[in-house]
Amino acid sequence: MTVLTPIRVVADHFDLAVSTLHYWERRGLIAPHRRGGQRWYDTDQLYRIALIKEWRRSGQFGLDQIALMLSGGPAWLDEVAARIREVERQQAELTRARAYLDRLLGCHSPEDPERCPGFRAETDIPGIAAAAMIPATATHTAEAENAAV
């Protein structure tokens, strides 16, 4: 005997709107049983709903990707592997961003972030090597002399 669970119980259990379950049904992601005009879900469908919800939450998969992944065959493994690569890329980007923000917090020039020595040391600016060799007062003097000519 198959145990069936009514849509309201499913929606409440998974913290989903009933309209979300209707939408997933229209998209072909789930297939409830019908009894007396109501939707009822068997155990396999409940696991499918749990899987869809988890993929949406943690894997950040779109419904088109989920539809492909649920269509059968090994395609879902390729999608998961591709998503892992994307998550790793994002993690590396976030690690770089965090390190940069930590360096900014340690800056000894709180009023002028562009003057932060750590930022300046790591930032590639055209002509900075040549300008670094000329003291700022000498640069201003040379500019004044050129302007006077």
Protein backbone atom coordinates (compact mmCIF):
# COMPACT_ATOMS: atom_id res chain seq x y z
CA MET A 1 0.00 0.00 0.00
CA THR A 2 1.35 3.40 -1.02
CA VAL A 3 1.30 6.14 1.61
CA LEU A 4 0.14 9.47 0.20
CA THR A 5 0.61 12.88 1.80
CA PRO A 6 -1.71 15.81 1.02
CA ILE A 7 -0.32 18.97 -0.54
CA ARG A 8 -0.91 21.18 2.53
CA VAL A 9 1.12 18.84 4.74
CA VAL A 10 3.89 18.72 2.12
CA ALA A 11 3.94 22.51 1.74
CA ASP A 12 4.07 23.02 5.50
CA HIS A 13 6.71 20.36 6.05
CA PHE A 14 9.06 21.75 3.40
CA ASP A 15 8.20 25.38 4.16
CA LEU A 16 7.01 25.95 0.59
CA ALA A 17 4.03 27.81 -0.74
CA VAL A 18 1.35 25.57 -2.25
CA SER A 19 1.70 27.69 -5.40
CA THR A 20 5.38 26.64 -5.60
CA LEU A 21 4.36 22.99 -5.67
CA HIS A 22 1.76 23.79 -8.35
CA TYR A 23 4.43 25.58 -10.39
CA TRP A 24 6.89 22.72 -10.07
CA GLU A 25 4.12 20.41 -11.25
CA ARG A 26 3.41 22.61 -14.29
CA ARG A 27 7.15 22.57 -15.06
CA GLY A 28 7.10 18.75 -14.96
CA LEU A 29 9.44 18.52 -11.97
CA ILE A 30 6.96 16.68 -9.75
CA ALA A 31 3.93 14.51 -10.47
CA PRO A 32 1.40 14.27 -7.64
CA HIS A 33 -1.46 11.82 -7.51
CA ARG A 34 -4.99 13.23 -7.73
CA ARG A 35 -7.76 12.21 -5.37
CA GLY A 36 -11.00 14.09 -4.97
CA GLY A 37 -9.57 17.15 -6.70
CA GLN A 38 -6.58 17.33 -4.35
CA ARG A 39 -2.91 16.66 -4.94
CA TRP A 40 -1.28 13.88 -2.93
CA TYR A 41 2.40 12.93 -2.93
CA ASP A 42 3.93 9.48 -2.57
CA THR A 43 7.27 8.84 -0.89
CA ASP A 44 9.31 9.12 -4.11
CA GLN A 45 7.73 12.50 -4.86
CA LEU A 46 8.47 13.68 -1.32
CA TYR A 47 12.14 12.84 -1.80
CA ARG A 48 12.06 14.59 -5.17
CA ILE A 49 10.60 17.72 -3.56
CA ALA A 50 13.30 17.59 -0.86
CA LEU A 51 15.95 17.25 -3.55
CA ILE A 52 14.60 20.15 -5.62
CA LYS A 53 14.41 22.37 -2.57
CA GLU A 54 17.97 21.48 -1.55
CA TRP A 55 19.32 22.05 -5.05
CA ARG A 56 17.58 25.42 -5.18
CA ARG A 57 18.87 26.42 -1.75
CA SER A 58 22.42 25.13 -1.58
CA GLY A 59 23.41 24.42 -5.13
CA GLN A 60 21.80 27.49 -6.59
CA PHE A 61 20.50 25.54 -9.55
CA GLY A 62 17.85 27.05 -11.76
CA LEU A 63 14.68 25.14 -12.54
CA ASP A 64 15.84 24.45 -16.12
CA GLN A 65 19.00 22.82 -14.76
CA ILE A 66 16.96 20.88 -12.23
CA ALA A 67 14.61 19.66 -14.96
CA LEU A 68 17.61 18.39 -16.92
CA MET A 69 19.09 16.77 -13.81
CA LEU A 70 15.82 14.98 -13.01
CA SER A 71 15.27 13.78 -16.57
CA GLY A 72 17.26 10.62 -15.94
CA GLY A 73 20.67 9.40 -16.89
CA PRO A 74 24.09 10.67 -15.91
CA ALA A 75 23.50 14.30 -17.02
CA TRP A 76 22.82 15.33 -13.44
CA LEU A 77 26.35 14.35 -12.45
CA ASP A 78 27.79 16.66 -15.11
CA GLU A 79 25.62 19.52 -13.83
CA VAL A 80 26.75 18.93 -10.25
CA ALA A 81 30.42 18.78 -11.31
CA ALA A 82 30.02 22.03 -13.28
CA ARG A 83 28.36 23.68 -10.28
CA ILE A 84 31.20 22.53 -8.01
CA ARG A 85 33.71 24.18 -10.36
CA GLU A 86 31.68 27.40 -10.30
CA VAL A 87 31.42 27.35 -6.50
CA GLU A 88 35.20 26.85 -6.26
CA ARG A 89 35.75 29.81 -8.59
CA GLN A 90 33.43 31.95 -6.47
CA GLN A 91 35.16 30.80 -3.28
CA ALA A 92 38.55 31.85 -4.67
CA GLU A 93 37.11 35.22 -5.68
CA LEU A 94 35.57 35.72 -2.24
CA THR A 95 38.85 34.71 -0.56
CA ARG A 96 40.70 37.35 -2.60
CA ALA A 97 38.04 39.94 -1.77
CA ARG A 98 38.21 39.11 1.96
CA ALA A 99 42.02 39.37 1.98
CA TYR A 100 41.84 42.72 0.21
CA LEU A 101 39.24 44.06 2.66
CA ASP A 102 41.32 42.84 5.62
CA ARG A 103 44.34 44.73 4.22
CA LEU A 104 42.24 47.86 3.87
CA LEU A 105 41.14 47.58 7.50
CA GLY A 106 44.81 47.53 8.49
CA CYS A 107 45.57 50.68 6.51
CA HIS A 108 47.36 53.44 8.43
CA SER A 109 45.71 56.18 6.41
CA PRO A 110 42.05 55.98 7.47
CA GLU A 111 40.98 59.27 5.89
CA ASP A 112 42.45 58.62 2.43
CA PRO A 113 42.04 54.98 1.32
CA GLU A 114 43.86 55.69 -1.95
CA ARG A 115 46.95 56.61 0.09
CA CYS A 116 46.99 53.31 1.97
CA PRO A 117 50.56 51.95 1.66
CA GLY A 118 49.37 48.34 1.33
CA PHE A 119 46.96 49.29 -1.46
CA ARG A 120 49.64 51.30 -3.25
CA ALA A 121 52.19 48.51 -2.94
CA GLU A 122 49.84 46.02 -4.63
CA THR A 123 48.32 48.28 -7.27
CA ASP A 124 49.81 48.53 -10.75
CA ILE A 125 49.79 52.15 -11.93
CA PRO A 126 51.30 53.22 -15.29
CA GLY A 127 54.56 55.12 -14.84
CA ILE A 128 54.63 54.59 -11.08
CA ALA A 129 58.22 53.34 -11.10
CA ALA A 130 59.46 56.48 -12.84
CA ALA A 131 57.34 58.78 -10.68
CA ALA A 132 58.48 57.01 -7.52
CA MET A 133 62.07 57.99 -8.27
CA ILE A 134 61.25 61.70 -8.50
CA PRO A 135 60.33 63.28 -5.16
CA ALA A 136 56.95 65.00 -5.12
CA THR A 137 58.54 68.44 -4.58
CA ALA A 138 60.85 67.90 -7.56
CA THR A 139 57.89 66.87 -9.71
CA HIS A 140 55.99 70.01 -8.78
CA THR A 141 59.10 72.14 -9.41
CA ALA A 142 59.64 70.56 -12.84
CA GLU A 143 55.99 71.11 -13.71
CA ALA A 144 56.24 74.74 -12.62
CA GLU A 145 59.37 75.25 -14.72
CA ASN A 146 57.71 73.68 -17.79
CA ALA A 147 54.65 75.85 -17.28
CA ALA A 148 56.84 78.99 -17.07
CA VAL A 149 58.60 78.22 -20.38
